[in-house]
């Protein structure tokens, strides 16, 4: 699963193997794993609340890029990196 961004110890990944709907990405942080919508809403998993806020803010800023990567993932194309939260 390609890493598309990293910030504050959070790793953001998205499969690029014809992923299934709804559009989403995966986040990990110090042994925690969670799945988020492209809007930054937690779908499943556990991750500390502070990191959820950071991930949600990042997703809001980069929603267009996440959508573009999702389209690439569906067609099994290489994904591009997205700038980290600063």
PDB file of N, CA and C in Angstrom:
ATOM      1  N   UNK A   1       0.861  -1.164   0.000  1.00  0.00           N
ATOM      2  CA  UNK A   1       0.000   0.000   0.000  1.00  0.00           C
ATOM      3  C   UNK A   1       0.911   1.231   0.000  1.00  0.00           C
ATOM      4  N   UNK A   2       0.861   2.030  -1.055  1.00  0.00           N
ATOM      5  CA  UNK A   2       1.756   3.193  -1.153  1.00  0.00           C
ATOM      6  C   UNK A   2       1.493   4.256  -0.086  1.00  0.00           C
ATOM      7  N   UNK A   3       2.571   4.801   0.441  1.00  0.00           N
ATOM      8  CA  UNK A   3       2.490   5.938   1.363  1.00  0.00           C
ATOM      9  C   UNK A   3       2.352   7.197   0.520  1.00  0.00           C
ATOM     10  N   UNK A   4       1.312   8.005   0.802  1.00  0.00           N
ATOM     11  CA  UNK A   4       1.110   9.226   0.021  1.00  0.00           C
ATOM     12  C   UNK A   4       1.453  10.485   0.809  1.00  0.00           C
ATOM     13  N   UNK A   5       1.568  10.370   2.149  1.00  0.00           N
ATOM     14  CA  UNK A   5       1.972  11.520   2.951  1.00  0.00           C
ATOM     15  C   UNK A   5       2.397  11.059   4.342  1.00  0.00           C
ATOM     16  N   UNK A   6       3.220  11.881   4.998  1.00  0.00           N
ATOM     17  CA  UNK A   6       3.639  11.630   6.373  1.00  0.00           C
ATOM     18  C   UNK A   6       3.789  12.969   7.076  1.00  0.00           C
ATOM     19  N   UNK A   7       3.237  13.066   8.289  1.00  0.00           N
ATOM     20  CA  UNK A   7       3.376  14.290   9.079  1.00  0.00           C
ATOM     21  C   UNK A   7       3.119  13.971  10.542  1.00  0.00           C
ATOM     22  N   UNK A   8       3.881  14.580  11.425  1.00  0.00           N
ATOM     23  CA  UNK A   8       3.731  14.433  12.878  1.00  0.00           C
ATOM     24  C   UNK A   8       3.625  12.970  13.322  1.00  0.00           C
ATOM     25  N   UNK A   9       4.380  12.105  12.679  1.00  0.00           N
ATOM     26  CA  UNK A   9       4.374  10.688  13.036  1.00  0.00           C
ATOM     27  C   UNK A   9       3.203   9.908  12.455  1.00  0.00           C
ATOM     28  N   UNK A  10       2.362  10.560  11.678  1.00  0.00           N
ATOM     29  CA  UNK A  10       1.203   9.922  11.041  1.00  0.00           C
ATOM     30  C   UNK A  10       1.605   9.522   9.625  1.00  0.00           C
ATOM     31  N   UNK A  11       1.253   8.309   9.242  1.00  0.00           N
ATOM     32  CA  UNK A  11       1.522   7.832   7.889  1.00  0.00           C
ATOM     33  C   UNK A  11       0.177   7.640   7.186  1.00  0.00           C
ATOM     34  N   UNK A  12       0.050   8.265   6.020  1.00  0.00           N
ATOM     35  CA  UNK A  12      -1.179   8.176   5.231  1.00  0.00           C
ATOM     36  C   UNK A  12      -0.892   7.300   4.018  1.00  0.00           C
ATOM     37  N   UNK A  13      -1.753   6.297   3.810  1.00  0.00           N
ATOM     38  CA  UNK A  13      -1.586   5.365   2.689  1.00  0.00           C
ATOM     39  C   UNK A  13      -2.901   5.196   1.942  1.00  0.00           C
ATOM     40  N   UNK A  14      -2.772   4.789   0.685  1.00  0.00           N
ATOM     41  CA  UNK A  14      -3.954   4.482  -0.118  1.00  0.00           C
ATOM     42  C   UNK A  14      -3.564   3.320  -1.035  1.00  0.00           C
ATOM     43  N   UNK A  15      -4.418   2.298  -1.071  1.00  0.00           N
ATOM     44  CA  UNK A  15      -4.181   1.192  -1.996  1.00  0.00           C
ATOM     45  C   UNK A  15      -4.332   1.696  -3.420  1.00  0.00           C
ATOM     46  N   UNK A  16      -3.609   1.095  -4.349  1.00  0.00           N
ATOM     47  CA  UNK A  16      -3.794   1.434  -5.758  1.00  0.00           C
ATOM     48  C   UNK A  16      -4.017   0.165  -6.577  1.00  0.00           C
ATOM     49  N   UNK A  17      -4.875  -0.686  -6.039  1.00  0.00           N
ATOM     50  CA  UNK A  17      -5.157  -1.960  -6.694  1.00  0.00           C
ATOM     51  C   UNK A  17      -6.642  -2.098  -7.032  1.00  0.00           C
ATOM     52  N   UNK A  18      -7.241  -1.033  -7.557  1.00  0.00           N
ATOM     53  CA  UNK A  18      -8.653  -1.091  -7.893  1.00  0.00           C
ATOM     54  C   UNK A  18      -9.529  -1.049  -6.659  1.00  0.00           C
ATOM     55  N   UNK A  19      -9.141  -0.269  -5.652  1.00  0.00           N
ATOM     56  CA  UNK A  19      -9.834  -0.158  -4.360  1.00  0.00           C
ATOM     57  C   UNK A  19     -11.352  -0.150  -4.496  1.00  0.00           C
ATOM     58  N   UNK A  20     -12.006  -0.499  -3.429  1.00  0.00           N
ATOM     59  CA  UNK A  20     -13.459  -0.545  -3.361  1.00  0.00           C
ATOM     60  C   UNK A  20     -14.010   0.758  -2.777  1.00  0.00           C
ATOM     61  N   UNK A  21     -15.261   1.033  -3.073  1.00  0.00           N
ATOM     62  CA  UNK A  21     -15.932   2.217  -2.521  1.00  0.00           C
ATOM     63  C   UNK A  21     -16.377   1.940  -1.100  1.00  0.00           C
ATOM     64  N   UNK A  22     -16.626   2.920  -0.277  1.00  0.00           N
ATOM     65  CA  UNK A  22     -16.537   4.343  -0.582  1.00  0.00           C
ATOM     66  C   UNK A  22     -15.073   4.796  -0.629  1.00  0.00           C
ATOM     67  N   UNK A  23     -14.816   5.911  -1.326  1.00  0.00           N
ATOM     68  CA  UNK A  23     -13.447   6.422  -1.378  1.00  0.00           C
ATOM     69  C   UNK A  23     -12.890   6.664   0.027  1.00  0.00           C
ATOM     70  N   UNK A  24     -11.655   6.219   0.254  1.00  0.00           N
ATOM     71  CA  UNK A  24     -11.075   6.323   1.598  1.00  0.00           C
ATOM     72  C   UNK A  24      -9.552   6.243   1.536  1.00  0.00           C
ATOM     73  N   UNK A  25      -8.938   6.532   2.678  1.00  0.00           N
ATOM     74  CA  UNK A  25      -7.500   6.341   2.840  1.00  0.00           C
ATOM     75  C   UNK A  25      -7.261   5.762   4.215  1.00  0.00           C
ATOM     76  N   UNK A  26      -6.062   5.277   4.431  1.00  0.00           N
ATOM     77  CA  UNK A  26      -5.677   4.622   5.669  1.00  0.00           C
ATOM     78  C   UNK A  26      -4.627   5.469   6.389  1.00  0.00           C
ATOM     79  N   UNK A  27      -4.726   5.527   7.704  1.00  0.00           N
ATOM     80  CA  UNK A  27      -3.764   6.278   8.514  1.00  0.00           C
ATOM     81  C   UNK A  27      -3.254   5.380   9.635  1.00  0.00           C
ATOM     82  N   UNK A  28      -1.964   5.540   9.933  1.00  0.00           N
ATOM     83  CA  UNK A  28      -1.397   4.811  11.076  1.00  0.00           C
ATOM     84  C   UNK A  28      -0.575   5.787  11.903  1.00  0.00           C
ATOM     85  N   UNK A  29      -0.546   5.494  13.208  1.00  0.00           N
ATOM     86  CA  UNK A  29       0.197   6.324  14.146  1.00  0.00           C
ATOM     87  C   UNK A  29       0.547   5.483  15.363  1.00  0.00           C
ATOM     88  N   UNK A  30       1.812   5.226  15.571  1.00  0.00           N
ATOM     89  CA  UNK A  30       2.325   4.516  16.742  1.00  0.00           C
ATOM     90  C   UNK A  30       1.498   3.281  17.108  1.00  0.00           C
ATOM     91  N   UNK A  31       1.268   2.419  16.145  1.00  0.00           N
ATOM     92  CA  UNK A  31       0.550   1.176  16.400  1.00  0.00           C
ATOM     93  C   UNK A  31      -0.955   1.283  16.278  1.00  0.00           C
ATOM     94  N   UNK A  32      -1.482   2.452  16.051  1.00  0.00           N
ATOM     95  CA  UNK A  32      -2.909   2.647  15.806  1.00  0.00           C
ATOM     96  C   UNK A  32      -3.140   2.662  14.304  1.00  0.00           C
ATOM     97  N   UNK A  33      -4.288   2.140  13.901  1.00  0.00           N
ATOM     98  CA  UNK A  33      -4.654   2.108  12.485  1.00  0.00           C
ATOM     99  C   UNK A  33      -6.104   2.521  12.333  1.00  0.00           C
ATOM    100  N   UNK A  34      -6.383   3.330  11.299  1.00  0.00           N
ATOM    101  CA  UNK A  34      -7.748   3.785  11.066  1.00  0.00           C
ATOM    102  C   UNK A  34      -7.964   4.047   9.583  1.00  0.00           C
ATOM    103  N   UNK A  35      -9.221   4.027   9.206  1.00  0.00           N
ATOM    104  CA  UNK A  35      -9.627   4.321   7.838  1.00  0.00           C
ATOM    105  C   UNK A  35     -10.498   5.562   7.864  1.00  0.00           C
ATOM    106  N   UNK A  36     -10.267   6.463   6.905  1.00  0.00           N
ATOM    107  CA  UNK A  36     -10.981   7.739   6.841  1.00  0.00           C
ATOM    108  C   UNK A  36     -11.592   7.946   5.466  1.00  0.00           C
ATOM    109  N   UNK A  37     -12.725   8.655   5.413  1.00  0.00           N
ATOM    110  CA  UNK A  37     -13.270   9.100   4.136  1.00  0.00           C
ATOM    111  C   UNK A  37     -12.350  10.180   3.585  1.00  0.00           C
ATOM    112  N   UNK A  38     -12.528  10.533   2.334  1.00  0.00           N
ATOM    113  CA  UNK A  38     -11.714  11.587   1.748  1.00  0.00           C
ATOM    114  C   UNK A  38     -12.058  12.948   2.335  1.00  0.00           C
ATOM    115  N   UNK A  39     -13.170  13.030   3.075  1.00  0.00           N
ATOM    116  CA  UNK A  39     -13.526  14.256   3.802  1.00  0.00           C
ATOM    117  C   UNK A  39     -12.838  14.324   5.158  1.00  0.00           C
ATOM    118  N   UNK A  40     -12.156  13.252   5.542  1.00  0.00           N
ATOM    119  CA  UNK A  40     -11.453  13.227   6.818  1.00  0.00           C
ATOM    120  C   UNK A  40     -12.265  12.677   7.974  1.00  0.00           C
ATOM    121  N   UNK A  41     -13.385  12.021   7.672  1.00  0.00           N
ATOM    122  CA  UNK A  41     -14.211  11.416   8.722  1.00  0.00           C
ATOM    123  C   UNK A  41     -13.728   9.995   8.999  1.00  0.00           C
ATOM    124  N   UNK A  42     -13.624   9.645  10.268  1.00  0.00           N
ATOM    125  CA  UNK A  42     -13.199   8.311  10.675  1.00  0.00           C
ATOM    126  C   UNK A  42     -14.272   7.293  10.297  1.00  0.00           C
ATOM    127  N   UNK A  43     -13.878   6.256   9.565  1.00  0.00           N
ATOM    128  CA  UNK A  43     -14.800   5.181   9.184  1.00  0.00           C
ATOM    129  C   UNK A  43     -14.689   4.025  10.166  1.00  0.00           C
ATOM    130  N   UNK A  44     -13.441   3.602  10.406  1.00  0.00           N
ATOM    131  CA  UNK A  44     -13.223   2.481  11.323  1.00  0.00           C
ATOM    132  C   UNK A  44     -11.807   2.527  11.858  1.00  0.00           C
ATOM    133  N   UNK A  45     -11.601   1.794  12.928  1.00  0.00           N
ATOM    134  CA  UNK A  45     -10.290   1.729  13.545  1.00  0.00           C
ATOM    135  C   UNK A  45     -10.187   2.680  14.724  1.00  0.00           C
ATOM    136  N   UNK A  46      -8.995   2.720  15.291  1.00  0.00           N
ATOM    137  CA  UNK A  46      -8.730   3.575  16.448  1.00  0.00           C
ATOM    138  C   UNK A  46      -7.447   4.350  16.226  1.00  0.00           C
ATOM    139  N   UNK A  47      -7.488   5.604  16.640  1.00  0.00           N
ATOM    140  CA  UNK A  47      -6.330   6.473  16.571  1.00  0.00           C
ATOM    141  C   UNK A  47      -6.604   7.606  17.569  1.00  0.00           C
ATOM    142  N   UNK A  48      -5.611   8.128  18.257  1.00  0.00           N
ATOM    143  CA  UNK A  48      -5.874   9.166  19.261  1.00  0.00           C
ATOM    144  C   UNK A  48      -6.597  10.384  18.666  1.00  0.00           C
ATOM    145  N   UNK A  49      -7.419  11.030  19.515  1.00  0.00           N
ATOM    146  CA  UNK A  49      -8.242  12.161  19.071  1.00  0.00           C
ATOM    147  C   UNK A  49      -7.429  13.298  18.468  1.00  0.00           C
ATOM    148  N   UNK A  50      -6.266  13.593  19.045  1.00  0.00           N
ATOM    149  CA  UNK A  50      -5.431  14.667  18.506  1.00  0.00           C
ATOM    150  C   UNK A  50      -5.029  14.355  17.071  1.00  0.00           C
ATOM    151  N   UNK A  51      -4.664  13.107  16.805  1.00  0.00           N
ATOM    152  CA  UNK A  51      -4.267  12.721  15.462  1.00  0.00           C
ATOM    153  C   UNK A  51      -5.473  12.713  14.515  1.00  0.00           C
ATOM    154  N   UNK A  52      -6.649  12.362  15.011  1.00  0.00           N
ATOM    155  CA  UNK A  52      -7.853  12.428  14.179  1.00  0.00           C
ATOM    156  C   UNK A  52      -8.072  13.859  13.701  1.00  0.00           C
ATOM    157  N   UNK A  53      -7.895  14.822  14.590  1.00  0.00           N
ATOM    158  CA  UNK A  53      -8.066  16.234  14.213  1.00  0.00           C
ATOM    159  C   UNK A  53      -7.042  16.645  13.163  1.00  0.00           C
ATOM    160  N   UNK A  54      -5.798  16.215  13.336  1.00  0.00           N
ATOM    161  CA  UNK A  54      -4.755  16.544  12.362  1.00  0.00           C
ATOM    162  C   UNK A  54      -5.047  15.908  11.003  1.00  0.00           C
ATOM    163  N   UNK A  55      -5.455  14.655  11.012  1.00  0.00           N
ATOM    164  CA  UNK A  55      -5.765  13.943   9.770  1.00  0.00           C
ATOM    165  C   UNK A  55      -6.959  14.599   9.069  1.00  0.00           C
ATOM    166  N   UNK A  56      -7.974  14.951   9.830  1.00  0.00           N
ATOM    167  CA  UNK A  56      -9.160  15.601   9.250  1.00  0.00           C
ATOM    168  C   UNK A  56      -8.807  16.944   8.627  1.00  0.00           C
ATOM    169  N   UNK A  57      -7.969  17.724   9.298  1.00  0.00           N
ATOM    170  CA  UNK A  57      -7.539  19.020   8.756  1.00  0.00           C
ATOM    171  C   UNK A  57      -6.734  18.813   7.477  1.00  0.00           C
ATOM    172  N   UNK A  58      -5.834  17.861   7.480  1.00  0.00           N
ATOM    173  CA  UNK A  58      -5.032  17.565   6.298  1.00  0.00           C
ATOM    174  C   UNK A  58      -5.932  17.152   5.139  1.00  0.00           C
ATOM    175  N   UNK A  59      -6.909  16.281   5.406  1.00  0.00           N
ATOM    176  CA  UNK A  59      -7.809  15.811   4.352  1.00  0.00           C
ATOM    177  C   UNK A  59      -8.615  16.972   3.768  1.00  0.00           C
ATOM    178  N   UNK A  60      -9.057  17.879   4.603  1.00  0.00           N
ATOM    179  CA  UNK A  60      -9.816  19.039   4.127  1.00  0.00           C
ATOM    180  C   UNK A  60      -8.962  19.887   3.188  1.00  0.00           C
ATOM    181  N   UNK A  61      -7.724  20.128   3.556  1.00  0.00           N
ATOM    182  CA  UNK A  61      -6.810  20.934   2.745  1.00  0.00           C
ATOM    183  C   UNK A  61      -6.515  20.253   1.401  1.00  0.00           C
ATOM    184  N   UNK A  62      -6.409  18.941   1.412  1.00  0.00           N
ATOM    185  CA  UNK A  62      -5.948  18.201   0.231  1.00  0.00           C
ATOM    186  C   UNK A  62      -7.039  17.343  -0.411  1.00  0.00           C
ATOM    187  N   UNK A  63      -8.307  17.726  -0.234  1.00  0.00           N
ATOM    188  CA  UNK A  63      -9.403  16.901  -0.739  1.00  0.00           C
ATOM    189  C   UNK A  63      -9.308  16.666  -2.249  1.00  0.00           C
ATOM    190  N   UNK A  64      -8.999  17.706  -3.027  1.00  0.00           N
ATOM    191  CA  UNK A  64      -8.900  17.541  -4.483  1.00  0.00           C
ATOM    192  C   UNK A  64      -7.794  16.557  -4.858  1.00  0.00           C
ATOM    193  N   UNK A  65      -6.680  16.631  -4.155  1.00  0.00           N
ATOM    194  CA  UNK A  65      -5.577  15.717  -4.426  1.00  0.00           C
ATOM    195  C   UNK A  65      -5.925  14.287  -4.018  1.00  0.00           C
ATOM    196  N   UNK A  66      -6.653  14.143  -2.919  1.00  0.00           N
ATOM    197  CA  UNK A  66      -7.102  12.814  -2.498  1.00  0.00           C
ATOM    198  C   UNK A  66      -8.055  12.217  -3.536  1.00  0.00           C
ATOM    199  N   UNK A  67      -8.963  13.032  -4.053  1.00  0.00           N
ATOM    200  CA  UNK A  67      -9.884  12.556  -5.091  1.00  0.00           C
ATOM    201  C   UNK A  67      -9.126  12.137  -6.345  1.00  0.00           C
ATOM    202  N   UNK A  68      -8.130  12.924  -6.729  1.00  0.00           N
ATOM    203  CA  UNK A  68      -7.321  12.578  -7.898  1.00  0.00           C
ATOM    204  C   UNK A  68      -6.581  11.259  -7.664  1.00  0.00           C
ATOM    205  N   UNK A  69      -6.019  11.087  -6.477  1.00  0.00           N
ATOM    206  CA  UNK A  69      -5.331   9.836  -6.156  1.00  0.00           C
ATOM    207  C   UNK A  69      -6.314   8.673  -6.146  1.00  0.00           C
ATOM    208  N   UNK A  70      -7.537   8.899  -5.653  1.00  0.00           N
ATOM    209  CA  UNK A  70      -8.539   7.832  -5.641  1.00  0.00           C
ATOM    210  C   UNK A  70      -8.826   7.365  -7.063  1.00  0.00           C
ATOM    211  N   UNK A  71      -8.984   8.328  -7.976  1.00  0.00           N
ATOM    212  CA  UNK A  71      -9.227   7.974  -9.377  1.00  0.00           C
ATOM    213  C   UNK A  71      -8.075   7.152  -9.938  1.00  0.00           C
ATOM    214  N   UNK A  72      -6.854   7.520  -9.578  1.00  0.00           N
ATOM    215  CA  UNK A  72      -5.692   6.735 -10.002  1.00  0.00           C
ATOM    216  C   UNK A  72      -5.726   5.336  -9.386  1.00  0.00           C
ATOM    217  N   UNK A  73      -6.093   5.260  -8.119  1.00  0.00           N
ATOM    218  CA  UNK A  73      -6.134   3.968  -7.414  1.00  0.00           C
ATOM    219  C   UNK A  73      -7.150   3.024  -8.053  1.00  0.00           C
ATOM    220  N   UNK A  74      -8.295   3.556  -8.423  1.00  0.00           N
ATOM    221  CA  UNK A  74      -9.341   2.734  -9.043  1.00  0.00           C
ATOM    222  C   UNK A  74      -8.836   2.136 -10.353  1.00  0.00           C
ATOM    223  N   UNK A  75      -8.055   2.911 -11.102  1.00  0.00           N
ATOM    224  CA  UNK A  75      -7.546   2.417 -12.380  1.00  0.00           C
ATOM    225  C   UNK A  75      -6.166   1.767 -12.250  1.00  0.00           C
ATOM    226  N   UNK A  76      -5.764   1.496 -11.007  1.00  0.00           N
ATOM    227  CA  UNK A  76      -4.520   0.795 -10.700  1.00  0.00           C
ATOM    228  C   UNK A  76      -3.286   1.503 -11.256  1.00  0.00           C
ATOM    229  N   UNK A  77      -3.298   2.828 -11.152  1.00  0.00           N
ATOM    230  CA  UNK A  77      -2.177   3.652 -11.593  1.00  0.00           C
ATOM    231  C   UNK A  77      -1.324   4.034 -10.384  1.00  0.00           C
ATOM    232  N   UNK A  78      -0.072   4.428 -10.610  1.00  0.00           N
ATOM    233  CA  UNK A  78       0.759   4.903  -9.497  1.00  0.00           C
ATOM    234  C   UNK A  78       0.163   6.164  -8.873  1.00  0.00           C
ATOM    235  N   UNK A  79       0.240   6.257  -7.559  1.00  0.00           N
ATOM    236  CA  UNK A  79      -0.273   7.413  -6.828  1.00  0.00           C
ATOM    237  C   UNK A  79       0.835   8.430  -6.643  1.00  0.00           C
ATOM    238  N   UNK A  80       0.450   9.681  -6.447  1.00  0.00           N
ATOM    239  CA  UNK A  80       1.465  10.699  -6.207  1.00  0.00           C
ATOM    240  C   UNK A  80       1.425  11.138  -4.754  1.00  0.00           C
ATOM    241  N   UNK A  81       2.534  11.684  -4.304  1.00  0.00           N
ATOM    242  CA  UNK A  81       2.664  12.161  -2.926  1.00  0.00           C
ATOM    243  C   UNK A  81       1.842  13.434  -2.731  1.00  0.00           C
ATOM    244  N   UNK A  82       1.335  13.600  -1.530  1.00  0.00           N
ATOM    245  CA  UNK A  82       0.584  14.797  -1.149  1.00  0.00           C
ATOM    246  C   UNK A  82       1.347  15.472  -0.030  1.00  0.00           C
ATOM    247  N   UNK A  83       1.467  16.787  -0.111  1.00  0.00           N
ATOM    248  CA  UNK A  83       2.219  17.539   0.888  1.00  0.00           C
ATOM    249  C   UNK A  83       1.726  17.235   2.299  1.00  0.00           C
ATOM    250  N   UNK A  84       2.639  17.198   3.251  1.00  0.00           N
ATOM    251  CA  UNK A  84       2.257  16.965   4.649  1.00  0.00           C
ATOM    252  C   UNK A  84       1.592  18.187   5.261  1.00  0.00           C
ATOM    253  N   UNK A  85       0.987  17.993   6.391  1.00  0.00           N
ATOM    254  CA  UNK A  85       0.443  19.097   7.188  1.00  0.00           C
ATOM    255  C   UNK A  85       1.631  19.803   7.832  1.00  0.00           C
ATOM    256  N   UNK A  86       1.637  21.121   7.755  1.00  0.00           N
ATOM    257  CA  UNK A  86       2.770  21.880   8.318  1.00  0.00           C
ATOM    258  C   UNK A  86       2.332  22.741   9.452  1.00  0.00           C
TER     259      UNK A  86
END
